[in-house]
Amino acid sequence: MVRTTLTLDDDVAAKLRAEARRTGSPFKQLVNNLLRLALKITRQCGQGPYLLLR
């Protein structure tokens, strides 16, 4: 495991906190799972490094 500091925009952090509460997942676990999913989708679609988040 690597410890790092990640600066999130306020709106992104709020959405992540809300999703963590909704699912009962720890914040760290939720962020890791969403990053894994985003990286997998980007590789499969052959897209560049940018993703559209809603």
N, C-alpha and C. Protein backbone atom coordinates (compact mmCIF):
# COMPACT_ATOMS: atom_id res chain seq x y z
N MET A 1 0.85 -1.17 0.00
CA MET A 1 0.00 0.00 0.00
C MET A 1 0.90 1.24 0.00
N VAL A 2 0.52 2.23 -0.77
CA VAL A 2 1.25 3.49 -0.86
C VAL A 2 0.38 4.59 -0.27
N ARG A 3 0.95 5.35 0.61
CA ARG A 3 0.23 6.49 1.18
C ARG A 3 0.56 7.71 0.34
N THR A 4 -0.46 8.46 -0.01
CA THR A 4 -0.25 9.66 -0.80
C THR A 4 -1.30 10.69 -0.41
N THR A 5 -1.05 11.93 -0.77
CA THR A 5 -2.01 12.99 -0.53
C THR A 5 -2.68 13.32 -1.85
N LEU A 6 -3.98 13.38 -1.84
CA LEU A 6 -4.76 13.69 -3.03
C LEU A 6 -5.65 14.88 -2.70
N THR A 7 -5.54 15.93 -3.49
CA THR A 7 -6.38 17.11 -3.28
C THR A 7 -7.61 17.00 -4.17
N LEU A 8 -8.78 16.97 -3.55
CA LEU A 8 -10.04 16.83 -4.28
C LEU A 8 -10.77 18.16 -4.31
N ASP A 9 -11.44 18.43 -5.41
CA ASP A 9 -12.33 19.58 -5.46
C ASP A 9 -13.46 19.35 -4.46
N ASP A 10 -14.00 20.44 -3.92
CA ASP A 10 -15.04 20.33 -2.90
C ASP A 10 -16.24 19.51 -3.36
N ASP A 11 -16.67 19.73 -4.61
CA ASP A 11 -17.85 19.01 -5.10
C ASP A 11 -17.57 17.52 -5.24
N VAL A 12 -16.37 17.16 -5.65
CA VAL A 12 -16.01 15.75 -5.79
C VAL A 12 -15.96 15.09 -4.41
N ALA A 13 -15.34 15.76 -3.46
CA ALA A 13 -15.24 15.22 -2.10
C ALA A 13 -16.63 15.02 -1.50
N ALA A 14 -17.52 15.98 -1.74
CA ALA A 14 -18.88 15.87 -1.20
C ALA A 14 -19.61 14.67 -1.81
N LYS A 15 -19.45 14.47 -3.12
CA LYS A 15 -20.10 13.33 -3.77
C LYS A 15 -19.52 12.01 -3.28
N LEU A 16 -18.21 11.97 -3.08
CA LEU A 16 -17.59 10.76 -2.56
C LEU A 16 -18.06 10.45 -1.14
N ARG A 17 -18.13 11.47 -0.29
CA ARG A 17 -18.61 11.27 1.09
C ARG A 17 -20.05 10.77 1.09
N ALA A 18 -20.88 11.37 0.23
CA ALA A 18 -22.29 10.96 0.16
C ALA A 18 -22.40 9.51 -0.31
N GLU A 19 -21.60 9.13 -1.30
CA GLU A 19 -21.63 7.75 -1.81
C GLU A 19 -21.12 6.77 -0.75
N ALA A 20 -20.10 7.18 -0.01
CA ALA A 20 -19.58 6.32 1.06
C ALA A 20 -20.65 6.09 2.13
N ARG A 21 -21.37 7.15 2.49
CA ARG A 21 -22.46 7.01 3.46
C ARG A 21 -23.57 6.11 2.91
N ARG A 22 -23.93 6.35 1.64
CA ARG A 22 -25.02 5.60 1.02
C ARG A 22 -24.72 4.11 0.96
N THR A 23 -23.48 3.77 0.63
CA THR A 23 -23.11 2.36 0.47
C THR A 23 -22.56 1.72 1.73
N GLY A 24 -22.24 2.55 2.73
CA GLY A 24 -21.64 2.02 3.95
C GLY A 24 -20.19 1.63 3.78
N SER A 25 -19.57 2.09 2.69
CA SER A 25 -18.16 1.77 2.42
C SER A 25 -17.26 2.80 3.07
N PRO A 26 -16.11 2.37 3.55
CA PRO A 26 -15.13 3.34 4.03
C PRO A 26 -14.69 4.24 2.86
N PHE A 27 -14.44 5.51 3.15
CA PHE A 27 -14.07 6.49 2.13
C PHE A 27 -12.89 6.01 1.31
N LYS A 28 -11.84 5.54 1.97
CA LYS A 28 -10.62 5.09 1.28
C LYS A 28 -10.94 3.94 0.32
N GLN A 29 -11.73 2.99 0.77
CA GLN A 29 -12.09 1.84 -0.07
C GLN A 29 -12.89 2.30 -1.28
N LEU A 30 -13.82 3.21 -1.08
CA LEU A 30 -14.64 3.72 -2.18
C LEU A 30 -13.77 4.41 -3.23
N VAL A 31 -12.86 5.27 -2.79
CA VAL A 31 -11.99 5.98 -3.73
C VAL A 31 -11.13 4.99 -4.50
N ASN A 32 -10.54 4.01 -3.83
CA ASN A 32 -9.72 3.01 -4.51
C ASN A 32 -10.54 2.22 -5.53
N ASN A 33 -11.73 1.80 -5.16
CA ASN A 33 -12.58 1.04 -6.08
C ASN A 33 -12.98 1.86 -7.30
N LEU A 34 -13.32 3.13 -7.08
CA LEU A 34 -13.71 3.98 -8.20
C LEU A 34 -12.53 4.28 -9.12
N LEU A 35 -11.35 4.46 -8.55
CA LEU A 35 -10.16 4.67 -9.38
C LEU A 35 -9.84 3.43 -10.20
N ARG A 36 -9.94 2.25 -9.58
CA ARG A 36 -9.70 1.00 -10.32
C ARG A 36 -10.68 0.87 -11.48
N LEU A 37 -11.95 1.14 -11.21
CA LEU A 37 -12.97 1.05 -12.25
C LEU A 37 -12.70 2.04 -13.38
N ALA A 38 -12.38 3.27 -13.03
CA ALA A 38 -12.10 4.29 -14.05
C ALA A 38 -10.90 3.90 -14.90
N LEU A 39 -9.86 3.37 -14.29
CA LEU A 39 -8.68 2.95 -15.05
C LEU A 39 -8.99 1.77 -15.96
N LYS A 40 -9.81 0.85 -15.48
CA LYS A 40 -10.19 -0.31 -16.29
C LYS A 40 -11.01 0.13 -17.50
N ILE A 41 -11.97 1.00 -17.27
CA ILE A 41 -12.82 1.49 -18.36
C ILE A 41 -11.98 2.25 -19.39
N THR A 42 -11.06 3.07 -18.93
CA THR A 42 -10.23 3.86 -19.84
C THR A 42 -9.39 2.94 -20.71
N ARG A 43 -8.83 1.90 -20.13
CA ARG A 43 -8.02 0.94 -20.89
C ARG A 43 -8.88 0.21 -21.91
N GLN A 44 -10.05 -0.24 -21.49
CA GLN A 44 -10.92 -1.02 -22.38
C GLN A 44 -11.44 -0.19 -23.55
N CYS A 45 -11.70 1.08 -23.30
CA CYS A 45 -12.26 1.94 -24.34
C CYS A 45 -11.17 2.60 -25.18
N GLY A 46 -9.92 2.48 -24.75
CA GLY A 46 -8.83 3.10 -25.49
C GLY A 46 -8.86 4.61 -25.43
N GLN A 47 -9.49 5.15 -24.41
CA GLN A 47 -9.58 6.60 -24.26
C GLN A 47 -8.30 7.14 -23.67
N GLY A 48 -8.18 8.44 -23.76
CA GLY A 48 -7.04 9.13 -23.16
C GLY A 48 -7.16 9.15 -21.65
N PRO A 49 -6.37 9.96 -21.00
CA PRO A 49 -6.32 9.96 -19.54
C PRO A 49 -7.49 10.68 -18.88
N TYR A 50 -8.43 11.24 -19.66
CA TYR A 50 -9.50 12.02 -19.07
C TYR A 50 -10.81 11.25 -19.08
N LEU A 51 -11.57 11.40 -18.03
CA LEU A 51 -12.86 10.74 -17.89
C LEU A 51 -13.93 11.78 -17.63
N LEU A 52 -15.13 11.52 -18.09
CA LEU A 52 -16.26 12.38 -17.80
C LEU A 52 -16.96 11.84 -16.56
N LEU A 53 -16.98 12.61 -15.50
CA LEU A 53 -17.64 12.20 -14.26
C LEU A 53 -18.90 13.02 -14.08
N ARG A 54 -19.98 12.38 -13.71
CA ARG A 54 -21.24 13.09 -13.51
C ARG A 54 -21.57 13.16 -12.06
